[in-house]
Structures are given as structure tokens and as C-alpha cells.
Amino acid sequence: MATLGVINIGALATGVLAAPRGEAESLLVENGRITALGAASRTAAGRADIVIDCRGTTVIPGLVDSHCHVVLGDYTPRQKTVDFLDSYVHGGITSVVSAGEGVHAPGRPHDPAASKALAIAAAKCFEHFHPNGMKVNAGSVVLEPGLTDEDFAEMAKHGVRHAKYGFGGYGHPRDGEPDVRRAQKHGLCVMSHSGGNSIPGSSPITHDVLLHLRPDVCGHVNGGTTSLDEDGLRTIVRETDMALQI
């Protein structure tokens, strides 16, 4: 693989909250990884196979979209948009996290077998598919009634790392709490919808439901559709340890 050198960096953002700015005028990339960072004389970035001259501009880590409704391939059926992931990279977004492939899959059945199969298929497909070099963290099972411990164990074995709550066929949003626990037991990170319903057939997820479900991530806490009410929002922010997706 060709080496890549980045020279004449004006400012460097590290992505580390405790030390957001770094001091480096160049960096060297070998085999897809940054191997040297600092003065150009030390990194030899100017002698790389490919050299990018920043001319004093700022270098930042690739951005992450933590709530992306991929399905399969670089196409989103609900919005009928082609190559949106490829285009994301041009804006600096180099990674996305699936918020449930099943949410936007046309005609998605609500049985546990289909939900499990779609999550495994997505995880396997995006393991080998990187539109414009993007990393797609896919394989996010939409939680449905009837998923068993064995199902979650199988999904975890095959690379499913995420679960989405809020679009399954539960009679009431509270009813899925045991499945949230099962998913977490097997190492899946569970994101829950929050606020008003967003697609036909879904239900609002209010703050009291979130307190009952206790997911790992409170999705679009500041509003994706209609946001949580202000009192409920304060409770989620101040009294829980959920990660807050903005």
C-alpha cells in the first residue's frame, strides 16, 4: 500500500477532549494508519509516495455520524437516495453507525427470524463494503418480540454489535424491556428512539419509558422528530447514565 504524507499542517485537532489540539506540522500514513506525527524532518512525510500539502489548513479526525439508517449497499430506500454514503466522505464523515437496517427496509416483517437475519446480513455485507473508504458499523438488530437468548448469542457471534429499540411490534413501548436486557447481556449496545413517533406504525418513546427501558444510548435526545418535553429531557440528562445522542 502506498504511503501518504500530509505536510504544512496549520492546526491539528486530536479528537481527544482532554487535549483537543495537537502540535504537528506533518503526519505519515502507512498501511492505512498514522505512524508518525510531528516535525516534517522527523516524519519524512515529504518523501511519501503521495504527498498532500495542507498549505496551513486544519487537519481533523474523520467525523462519525452516530445515527445512520443504512439498509444494504449505498442506497436508502425511504428517501430513494443513491450514493449518500460515498458523498458523506466528501464532507469529512468517514464513519457511520447504523441505527437499525430494518427501520427503512421496504416491507420489513416483524418476526424475530427476519430481524435477526437482516442484522447478520448487514453486518457481513458492510464488513467488506466501504463506500469511498467509509467504515460502516452495520448490523443493528431492530428489537422484536420473540427474540431469545440464543438469537442474541448467534447475532453476537456473527458480528452484530448494536440493537435499536422503538420500531418493533410491541403492544406498548414498555413491553420490550426484557429484550433490551437480553441484548445488553450479550454485549450489544442498545440505542432507543426518543420523542414522538417518526414513521407510520411506531409509537412515541417518552422519558418515563426510557427510564424503564434503560438503554445504553438515548437516540437524538435533542429531537429527531418531536423531542422529549423539557422536564423529561432534564430527567434523562441529569438522572441517568445513558449516552446522549445529539
C-alpha atoms as a PDB file:
ATOM      1  CA  MET A   1       0.000   0.000   0.000  1.00  0.00           C
ATOM      2  CA  ALA A   2       1.302   3.462  -0.915  1.00  0.00           C
ATOM      3  CA  THR A   3       2.436   5.720   1.916  1.00  0.00           C
ATOM      4  CA  LEU A   4       0.716   9.070   2.426  1.00  0.00           C
ATOM      5  CA  GLY A   5       2.359  12.203   3.746  1.00  0.00           C
ATOM      6  CA  VAL A   6       0.495  15.283   4.958  1.00  0.00           C
ATOM      7  CA  ILE A   7       2.683  18.392   5.272  1.00  0.00           C
ATOM      8  CA  ASN A   8       2.375  22.075   6.209  1.00  0.00           C
ATOM      9  CA  ILE A   9      -0.435  21.460   8.700  1.00  0.00           C
ATOM     10  CA  GLY A  10      -1.715  24.733  10.147  1.00  0.00           C
ATOM     11  CA  ALA A  11      -3.644  23.286  13.088  1.00  0.00           C
ATOM     12  CA  LEU A  12      -4.337  19.746  14.248  1.00  0.00           C
ATOM     13  CA  ALA A  13      -7.476  18.610  16.075  1.00  0.00           C
ATOM     14  CA  THR A  14      -6.854  15.399  18.007  1.00  0.00           C
ATOM     15  CA  GLY A  15     -10.391  14.280  18.804  1.00  0.00           C
ATOM     16  CA  VAL A  16      -9.343  13.903  22.456  1.00  0.00           C
ATOM     17  CA  LEU A  17     -11.468  16.094  24.740  1.00  0.00           C
ATOM     18  CA  ALA A  18      -8.751  16.475  27.368  1.00  0.00           C
ATOM     19  CA  ALA A  19      -6.233  17.699  24.779  1.00  0.00           C
ATOM     20  CA  PRO A  20      -8.171  18.880  21.729  1.00  0.00           C
ATOM     21  CA  ARG A  21      -5.254  20.455  19.878  1.00  0.00           C
ATOM     22  CA  GLY A  22      -2.006  18.814  18.858  1.00  0.00           C
ATOM     23  CA  GLU A  23       1.298  20.294  17.778  1.00  0.00           C
ATOM     24  CA  ALA A  24       2.383  18.812  14.473  1.00  0.00           C
ATOM     25  CA  GLU A  25       3.285  20.186  11.086  1.00  0.00           C
ATOM     26  CA  SER A  26       3.139  16.833   9.310  1.00  0.00           C
ATOM     27  CA  LEU A  27       1.983  13.246   9.579  1.00  0.00           C
ATOM     28  CA  LEU A  28       2.775   9.987   7.825  1.00  0.00           C
ATOM     29  CA  VAL A  29       0.271   7.246   6.989  1.00  0.00           C
ATOM     30  CA  GLU A  30       1.436   3.679   6.307  1.00  0.00           C
ATOM     31  CA  ASN A  31      -0.891   0.747   5.594  1.00  0.00           C
ATOM     32  CA  GLY A  32      -3.887   2.913   6.386  1.00  0.00           C
ATOM     33  CA  ARG A  33      -2.661   4.007   9.824  1.00  0.00           C
ATOM     34  CA  ILE A  34      -0.935   7.137  11.118  1.00  0.00           C
ATOM     35  CA  THR A  35       2.572   6.028  12.057  1.00  0.00           C
ATOM     36  CA  ALA A  36       4.349   9.347  12.618  1.00  0.00           C
ATOM     37  CA  LEU A  37       3.233  12.778  13.747  1.00  0.00           C
ATOM     38  CA  GLY A  38       5.329  15.883  14.308  1.00  0.00           C
ATOM     39  CA  ALA A  39       8.003  17.888  12.551  1.00  0.00           C
ATOM     40  CA  ALA A  40       8.441  17.165   8.850  1.00  0.00           C
ATOM     41  CA  SER A  41      12.116  16.395   9.408  1.00  0.00           C
ATOM     42  CA  ARG A  42      11.164  13.613  11.808  1.00  0.00           C
ATOM     43  CA  THR A  43       8.195  12.061   9.996  1.00  0.00           C
ATOM     44  CA  ALA A  44       9.677  12.052   6.475  1.00  0.00           C
ATOM     45  CA  ALA A  45       6.156  12.838   5.276  1.00  0.00           C
ATOM     46  CA  GLY A  46       7.552  14.878   2.395  1.00  0.00           C
ATOM     47  CA  ARG A  47       9.111  11.728   0.914  1.00  0.00           C
ATOM     48  CA  ALA A  48       5.935   9.620   0.971  1.00  0.00           C
ATOM     49  CA  ASP A  49       4.505   8.074  -2.201  1.00  0.00           C
ATOM     50  CA  ILE A  50       1.620  10.556  -2.100  1.00  0.00           C
ATOM     51  CA  VAL A  51       2.104  13.989  -0.525  1.00  0.00           C
ATOM     52  CA  ILE A  52      -0.728  16.351   0.423  1.00  0.00           C
ATOM     53  CA  ASP A  53       0.282  19.957   1.078  1.00  0.00           C
ATOM     54  CA  CYS A  54      -2.221  21.453   3.525  1.00  0.00           C
ATOM     55  CA  ARG A  55      -0.884  24.982   2.981  1.00  0.00           C
ATOM     56  CA  GLY A  56      -1.706  25.923   6.540  1.00  0.00           C
ATOM     57  CA  THR A  57      -5.193  24.459   6.735  1.00  0.00           C
ATOM     58  CA  THR A  58      -6.567  22.414   9.634  1.00  0.00           C
ATOM     59  CA  VAL A  59      -6.436  18.617   9.898  1.00  0.00           C
ATOM     60  CA  ILE A  60      -9.127  16.850  11.929  1.00  0.00           C
ATOM     61  CA  PRO A  61     -10.072  13.208  12.542  1.00  0.00           C
ATOM     62  CA  GLY A  62     -12.828  11.815  10.358  1.00  0.00           C
ATOM     63  CA  LEU A  63     -16.282  12.683  11.675  1.00  0.00           C
ATOM     64  CA  VAL A  64     -18.738   9.999  12.837  1.00  0.00           C
ATOM     65  CA  ASP A  65     -22.478  10.009  12.139  1.00  0.00           C
ATOM     66  CA  SER A  66     -23.794   8.027  15.094  1.00  0.00           C
ATOM     67  CA  HIS A  67     -27.335   7.630  13.733  1.00  0.00           C
ATOM     68  CA  CYS A  68     -27.487   6.482  10.135  1.00  0.00           C
ATOM     69  CA  HIS A  69     -30.266   4.391   8.580  1.00  0.00           C
ATOM     70  CA  VAL A  70     -28.317   2.224   6.196  1.00  0.00           C
ATOM     71  CA  VAL A  71     -30.005  -0.884   4.808  1.00  0.00           C
ATOM     72  CA  LEU A  72     -27.814  -2.719   2.295  1.00  0.00           C
ATOM     73  CA  GLY A  73     -25.410  -1.060  -0.102  1.00  0.00           C
ATOM     74  CA  ASP A  74     -25.094   2.670  -0.689  1.00  0.00           C
ATOM     75  CA  TYR A  75     -28.813   3.301  -1.127  1.00  0.00           C
ATOM     76  CA  THR A  76     -31.502   4.395   1.309  1.00  0.00           C
ATOM     77  CA  PRO A  77     -34.941   3.164   0.207  1.00  0.00           C
ATOM     78  CA  ARG A  78     -37.128   5.522   2.231  1.00  0.00           C
ATOM     79  CA  GLN A  79     -35.557   8.649   0.724  1.00  0.00           C
ATOM     80  CA  LYS A  80     -34.662   6.910  -2.566  1.00  0.00           C
ATOM     81  CA  THR A  81     -31.139   8.312  -2.355  1.00  0.00           C
ATOM     82  CA  VAL A  82     -28.188   6.707  -4.139  1.00  0.00           C
ATOM     83  CA  ASP A  83     -24.514   7.001  -3.092  1.00  0.00           C
ATOM     84  CA  PHE A  84     -25.227   9.086   0.002  1.00  0.00           C
ATOM     85  CA  LEU A  85     -22.506   7.323   1.995  1.00  0.00           C
ATOM     86  CA  ASP A  86     -19.948   7.952  -0.736  1.00  0.00           C
ATOM     87  CA  SER A  87     -20.927  11.630  -0.705  1.00  0.00           C
ATOM     88  CA  TYR A  88     -20.703  11.787   3.095  1.00  0.00           C
ATOM     89  CA  VAL A  89     -16.961  11.200   2.868  1.00  0.00           C
ATOM     90  CA  HIS A  90     -16.533  14.364   0.819  1.00  0.00           C
ATOM     91  CA  GLY A  91     -17.917  16.265   3.808  1.00  0.00           C
ATOM     92  CA  GLY A  92     -15.473  14.672   6.242  1.00  0.00           C
ATOM     93  CA  ILE A  93     -17.760  11.941   7.618  1.00  0.00           C
ATOM     94  CA  THR A  94     -15.663   8.794   7.431  1.00  0.00           C
ATOM     95  CA  SER A  95     -17.653   6.507   9.743  1.00  0.00           C
ATOM     96  CA  VAL A  96     -21.335   5.884  10.387  1.00  0.00           C
ATOM     97  CA  VAL A  97     -23.153   3.791  12.979  1.00  0.00           C
ATOM     98  CA  SER A  98     -26.294   2.004  11.879  1.00  0.00           C
ATOM     99  CA  ALA A  99     -29.483   2.880  13.728  1.00  0.00           C
ATOM    100  CA  GLY A 100     -31.196  -0.288  12.536  1.00  0.00           C
ATOM    101  CA  GLU A 101     -31.205  -1.550   8.969  1.00  0.00           C
ATOM    102  CA  GLY A 102     -34.722  -2.849   9.411  1.00  0.00           C
ATOM    103  CA  VAL A 103     -36.255   0.554  10.118  1.00  0.00           C
ATOM    104  CA  HIS A 104     -36.084   1.605   6.463  1.00  0.00           C
ATOM    105  CA  ALA A 105     -36.123  -1.797   4.748  1.00  0.00           C
ATOM    106  CA  PRO A 106     -39.136  -1.959   2.391  1.00  0.00           C
ATOM    107  CA  GLY A 107     -41.761  -4.409   3.624  1.00  0.00           C
ATOM    108  CA  ARG A 108     -39.777  -5.374   6.701  1.00  0.00           C
ATOM    109  CA  PRO A 109     -41.526  -8.205   8.544  1.00  0.00           C
ATOM    110  CA  HIS A 110     -41.691  -8.009  12.325  1.00  0.00           C
ATOM    111  CA  ASP A 111     -40.866 -11.630  13.128  1.00  0.00           C
ATOM    112  CA  PRO A 112     -37.675 -12.301  15.099  1.00  0.00           C
ATOM    113  CA  ALA A 113     -36.167 -14.588  12.450  1.00  0.00           C
ATOM    114  CA  ALA A 114     -36.258 -11.860   9.802  1.00  0.00           C
ATOM    115  CA  SER A 115     -34.978  -9.198  12.181  1.00  0.00           C
ATOM    116  CA  LYS A 116     -32.050 -11.394  13.182  1.00  0.00           C
ATOM    117  CA  ALA A 117     -31.258 -12.410   9.603  1.00  0.00           C
ATOM    118  CA  LEU A 118     -31.259  -8.831   8.327  1.00  0.00           C
ATOM    119  CA  ALA A 119     -28.902  -7.675  11.085  1.00  0.00           C
ATOM    120  CA  ILE A 120     -26.454 -10.508  10.422  1.00  0.00           C
ATOM    121  CA  ALA A 121     -26.597  -9.948   6.660  1.00  0.00           C
ATOM    122  CA  ALA A 122     -25.929  -6.220   7.067  1.00  0.00           C
ATOM    123  CA  ALA A 123     -23.016  -6.825   9.433  1.00  0.00           C
ATOM    124  CA  LYS A 124     -21.425  -9.269   6.990  1.00  0.00           C
ATOM    125  CA  CYS A 125     -22.050  -7.124   3.889  1.00  0.00           C
ATOM    126  CA  PHE A 126     -20.655  -3.898   5.305  1.00  0.00           C
ATOM    127  CA  GLU A 127     -17.650  -5.745   6.691  1.00  0.00           C
ATOM    128  CA  HIS A 128     -16.475  -5.904   3.076  1.00  0.00           C
ATOM    129  CA  PHE A 129     -18.142  -2.816   1.587  1.00  0.00           C
ATOM    130  CA  HIS A 130     -16.594   0.601   2.235  1.00  0.00           C
ATOM    131  CA  PRO A 131     -18.107   3.298   0.009  1.00  0.00           C
ATOM    132  CA  ASN A 132     -15.331   5.780  -0.782  1.00  0.00           C
ATOM    133  CA  GLY A 133     -13.353   4.199   2.068  1.00  0.00           C
ATOM    134  CA  MET A 134     -16.034   4.768   4.715  1.00  0.00           C
ATOM    135  CA  LYS A 135     -16.305   2.483   7.743  1.00  0.00           C
ATOM    136  CA  VAL A 136     -19.944   1.446   8.184  1.00  0.00           C
ATOM    137  CA  ASN A 137     -20.697  -0.012  11.623  1.00  0.00           C
ATOM    138  CA  ALA A 138     -23.673  -2.050  10.466  1.00  0.00           C
ATOM    139  CA  GLY A 139     -25.592  -4.957  11.895  1.00  0.00           C
ATOM    140  CA  SER A 140     -28.049  -3.248  14.237  1.00  0.00           C
ATOM    141  CA  VAL A 141     -30.926  -5.539  15.070  1.00  0.00           C
ATOM    142  CA  VAL A 142     -34.351  -3.951  15.460  1.00  0.00           C
ATOM    143  CA  LEU A 143     -35.656  -5.499  18.678  1.00  0.00           C
ATOM    144  CA  GLU A 144     -38.802  -7.556  18.152  1.00  0.00           C
ATOM    145  CA  PRO A 145     -40.960  -9.723  20.439  1.00  0.00           C
ATOM    146  CA  GLY A 146     -39.780 -13.317  20.434  1.00  0.00           C
ATOM    147  CA  LEU A 147     -36.020 -12.811  20.180  1.00  0.00           C
ATOM    148  CA  THR A 148     -34.334 -15.288  22.525  1.00  0.00           C
ATOM    149  CA  ASP A 149     -31.037 -15.523  24.351  1.00  0.00           C
ATOM    150  CA  GLU A 150     -29.916 -17.964  21.670  1.00  0.00           C
ATOM    151  CA  ASP A 151     -30.778 -15.430  18.964  1.00  0.00           C
ATOM    152  CA  PHE A 152     -28.699 -12.723  20.614  1.00  0.00           C
ATOM    153  CA  ALA A 153     -25.802 -15.126  21.148  1.00  0.00           C
ATOM    154  CA  GLU A 154     -25.897 -16.074  17.465  1.00  0.00           C
ATOM    155  CA  MET A 155     -26.019 -12.454  16.351  1.00  0.00           C
ATOM    156  CA  ALA A 156     -23.093 -11.510  18.585  1.00  0.00           C
ATOM    157  CA  LYS A 157     -21.121 -14.447  17.177  1.00  0.00           C
ATOM    158  CA  HIS A 158     -21.656 -13.127  13.650  1.00  0.00           C
ATOM    159  CA  GLY A 159     -20.647  -9.532  14.275  1.00  0.00           C
ATOM    160  CA  VAL A 160     -23.878  -7.815  15.309  1.00  0.00           C
ATOM    161  CA  ARG A 161     -22.841  -5.195  17.860  1.00  0.00           C
ATOM    162  CA  HIS A 162     -25.838  -2.867  18.069  1.00  0.00           C
ATOM    163  CA  ALA A 163     -29.583  -3.008  18.677  1.00  0.00           C
ATOM    164  CA  LYS A 164     -32.319  -0.462  18.025  1.00  0.00           C
ATOM    165  CA  TYR A 165     -35.457  -0.108  20.110  1.00  0.00           C
ATOM    166  CA  GLY A 166     -38.643   1.722  19.220  1.00  0.00           C
ATOM    167  CA  PHE A 167     -39.846   0.177  15.962  1.00  0.00           C
ATOM    168  CA  GLY A 168     -40.679  -3.388  16.952  1.00  0.00           C
ATOM    169  CA  GLY A 169     -44.091  -4.972  17.188  1.00  0.00           C
ATOM    170  CA  TYR A 170     -44.612  -4.476  20.929  1.00  0.00           C
ATOM    171  CA  GLY A 171     -48.080  -3.692  22.261  1.00  0.00           C
ATOM    172  CA  HIS A 172     -46.664  -0.914  24.439  1.00  0.00           C
ATOM    173  CA  PRO A 173     -43.174   0.634  24.335  1.00  0.00           C
ATOM    174  CA  ARG A 174     -42.518  -0.570  27.893  1.00  0.00           C
ATOM    175  CA  ASP A 175     -43.007  -4.192  26.862  1.00  0.00           C
ATOM    176  CA  GLY A 176     -39.579  -4.536  25.264  1.00  0.00           C
ATOM    177  CA  GLU A 177     -37.560  -4.049  28.448  1.00  0.00           C
ATOM    178  CA  PRO A 178     -36.679  -7.777  28.781  1.00  0.00           C
ATOM    179  CA  ASP A 179     -35.303  -7.772  25.227  1.00  0.00           C
ATOM    180  CA  VAL A 180     -33.204  -4.692  25.967  1.00  0.00           C
ATOM    181  CA  ARG A 181     -31.707  -6.604  28.905  1.00  0.00           C
ATOM    182  CA  ARG A 182     -31.070  -9.700  26.752  1.00  0.00           C
ATOM    183  CA  ALA A 183     -29.307  -7.642  24.102  1.00  0.00           C
ATOM    184  CA  GLN A 184     -27.110  -5.944  26.699  1.00  0.00           C
ATOM    185  CA  LYS A 185     -26.358  -9.292  28.323  1.00  0.00           C
ATOM    186  CA  HIS A 186     -24.807 -10.454  25.058  1.00  0.00           C
ATOM    187  CA  GLY A 187     -22.725  -7.323  24.593  1.00  0.00           C
ATOM    188  CA  LEU A 188     -24.924  -5.364  22.197  1.00  0.00           C
ATOM    189  CA  CYS A 189     -25.111  -1.595  22.579  1.00  0.00           C
ATOM    190  CA  VAL A 190     -28.803  -0.678  22.657  1.00  0.00           C
ATOM    191  CA  MET A 191     -29.989   2.639  21.250  1.00  0.00           C
ATOM    192  CA  SER A 192     -33.578   3.667  21.833  1.00  0.00           C
ATOM    193  CA  HIS A 193     -35.666   6.090  19.842  1.00  0.00           C
ATOM    194  CA  SER A 194     -36.815   9.068  21.899  1.00  0.00           C
ATOM    195  CA  GLY A 195     -39.592  11.593  21.440  1.00  0.00           C
ATOM    196  CA  GLY A 196     -42.502  11.462  19.030  1.00  0.00           C
ATOM    197  CA  ASN A 197     -43.183   8.692  16.566  1.00  0.00           C
ATOM    198  CA  SER A 198     -41.283   9.070  13.299  1.00  0.00           C
ATOM    199  CA  ILE A 199     -42.713   6.516  10.862  1.00  0.00           C
ATOM    200  CA  PRO A 200     -46.197   5.012  10.433  1.00  0.00           C
ATOM    201  CA  GLY A 201     -46.862   2.287  12.978  1.00  0.00           C
ATOM    202  CA  SER A 202     -44.271   3.425  15.513  1.00  0.00           C
ATOM    203  CA  SER A 203     -45.007   4.816  18.976  1.00  0.00           C
ATOM    204  CA  PRO A 204     -43.698   7.810  20.919  1.00  0.00           C
ATOM    205  CA  ILE A 205     -40.965   6.998  23.425  1.00  0.00           C
ATOM    206  CA  THR A 206     -41.361   9.315  26.413  1.00  0.00           C
ATOM    207  CA  HIS A 207     -38.873   9.927  29.199  1.00  0.00           C
ATOM    208  CA  ASP A 208     -40.713   7.615  31.618  1.00  0.00           C
ATOM    209  CA  VAL A 209     -40.492   4.803  29.072  1.00  0.00           C
ATOM    210  CA  LEU A 210     -36.764   5.476  28.660  1.00  0.00           C
ATOM    211  CA  LEU A 211     -36.285   5.305  32.429  1.00  0.00           C
ATOM    212  CA  HIS A 212     -37.998   1.911  32.361  1.00  0.00           C
ATOM    213  CA  LEU A 213     -36.064   0.582  29.357  1.00  0.00           C
ATOM    214  CA  ARG A 214     -32.610   1.865  30.427  1.00  0.00           C
ATOM    215  CA  PRO A 215     -30.942   1.639  27.007  1.00  0.00           C
ATOM    216  CA  ASP A 216     -27.260   2.421  26.557  1.00  0.00           C
ATOM    217  CA  VAL A 217     -27.967   5.331  24.206  1.00  0.00           C
ATOM    218  CA  CYS A 218     -30.859   7.790  24.135  1.00  0.00           C
ATOM    219  CA  GLY A 219     -31.251   8.471  20.431  1.00  0.00           C
ATOM    220  CA  HIS A 220     -31.498  12.048  19.092  1.00  0.00           C
ATOM    221  CA  VAL A 221     -32.187  13.391  22.569  1.00  0.00           C
ATOM    222  CA  ASN A 222     -32.499  16.959  21.254  1.00  0.00           C
ATOM    223  CA  GLY A 223     -35.101  15.941  18.720  1.00  0.00           C
ATOM    224  CA  GLY A 224     -35.149  13.753  15.667  1.00  0.00           C
ATOM    225  CA  THR A 225     -38.849  14.036  15.185  1.00  0.00           C
ATOM    226  CA  THR A 226     -40.616  15.814  18.066  1.00  0.00           C
ATOM    227  CA  SER A 227     -38.217  15.971  21.001  1.00  0.00           C
ATOM    228  CA  LEU A 228     -38.866  14.960  24.590  1.00  0.00           C
ATOM    229  CA  ASP A 229     -40.634  17.535  26.746  1.00  0.00           C
ATOM    230  CA  GLU A 230     -38.328  19.819  28.714  1.00  0.00           C
ATOM    231  CA  ASP A 231     -38.950  18.256  32.131  1.00  0.00           C
ATOM    232  CA  GLY A 232     -38.401  14.777  30.737  1.00  0.00           C
ATOM    233  CA  LEU A 233     -35.256  15.924  28.993  1.00  0.00           C
ATOM    234  CA  ARG A 234     -33.838  17.316  32.236  1.00  0.00           C
ATOM    235  CA  THR A 235     -34.514  13.999  33.949  1.00  0.00           C
ATOM    236  CA  ILE A 236     -32.719  11.997  31.248  1.00  0.00           C
ATOM    237  CA  VAL A 237     -29.715  14.343  31.237  1.00  0.00           C
ATOM    238  CA  ARG A 238     -29.323  14.764  34.994  1.00  0.00           C
ATOM    239  CA  GLU A 239     -30.518  11.491  36.485  1.00  0.00           C
ATOM    240  CA  THR A 240     -29.395   8.715  34.123  1.00  0.00           C
ATOM    241  CA  ASP A 241     -26.136   7.412  32.741  1.00  0.00           C
ATOM    242  CA  MET A 242     -27.457   6.964  29.202  1.00  0.00           C
ATOM    243  CA  ALA A 243     -25.207   8.241  26.458  1.00  0.00           C
ATOM    244  CA  LEU A 244     -26.976  11.222  24.905  1.00  0.00           C
ATOM    245  CA  GLN A 245     -27.019  11.250  21.138  1.00  0.00           C
ATOM    246  CA  ILE A 246     -27.134  14.813  19.828  1.00  0.00           C
END
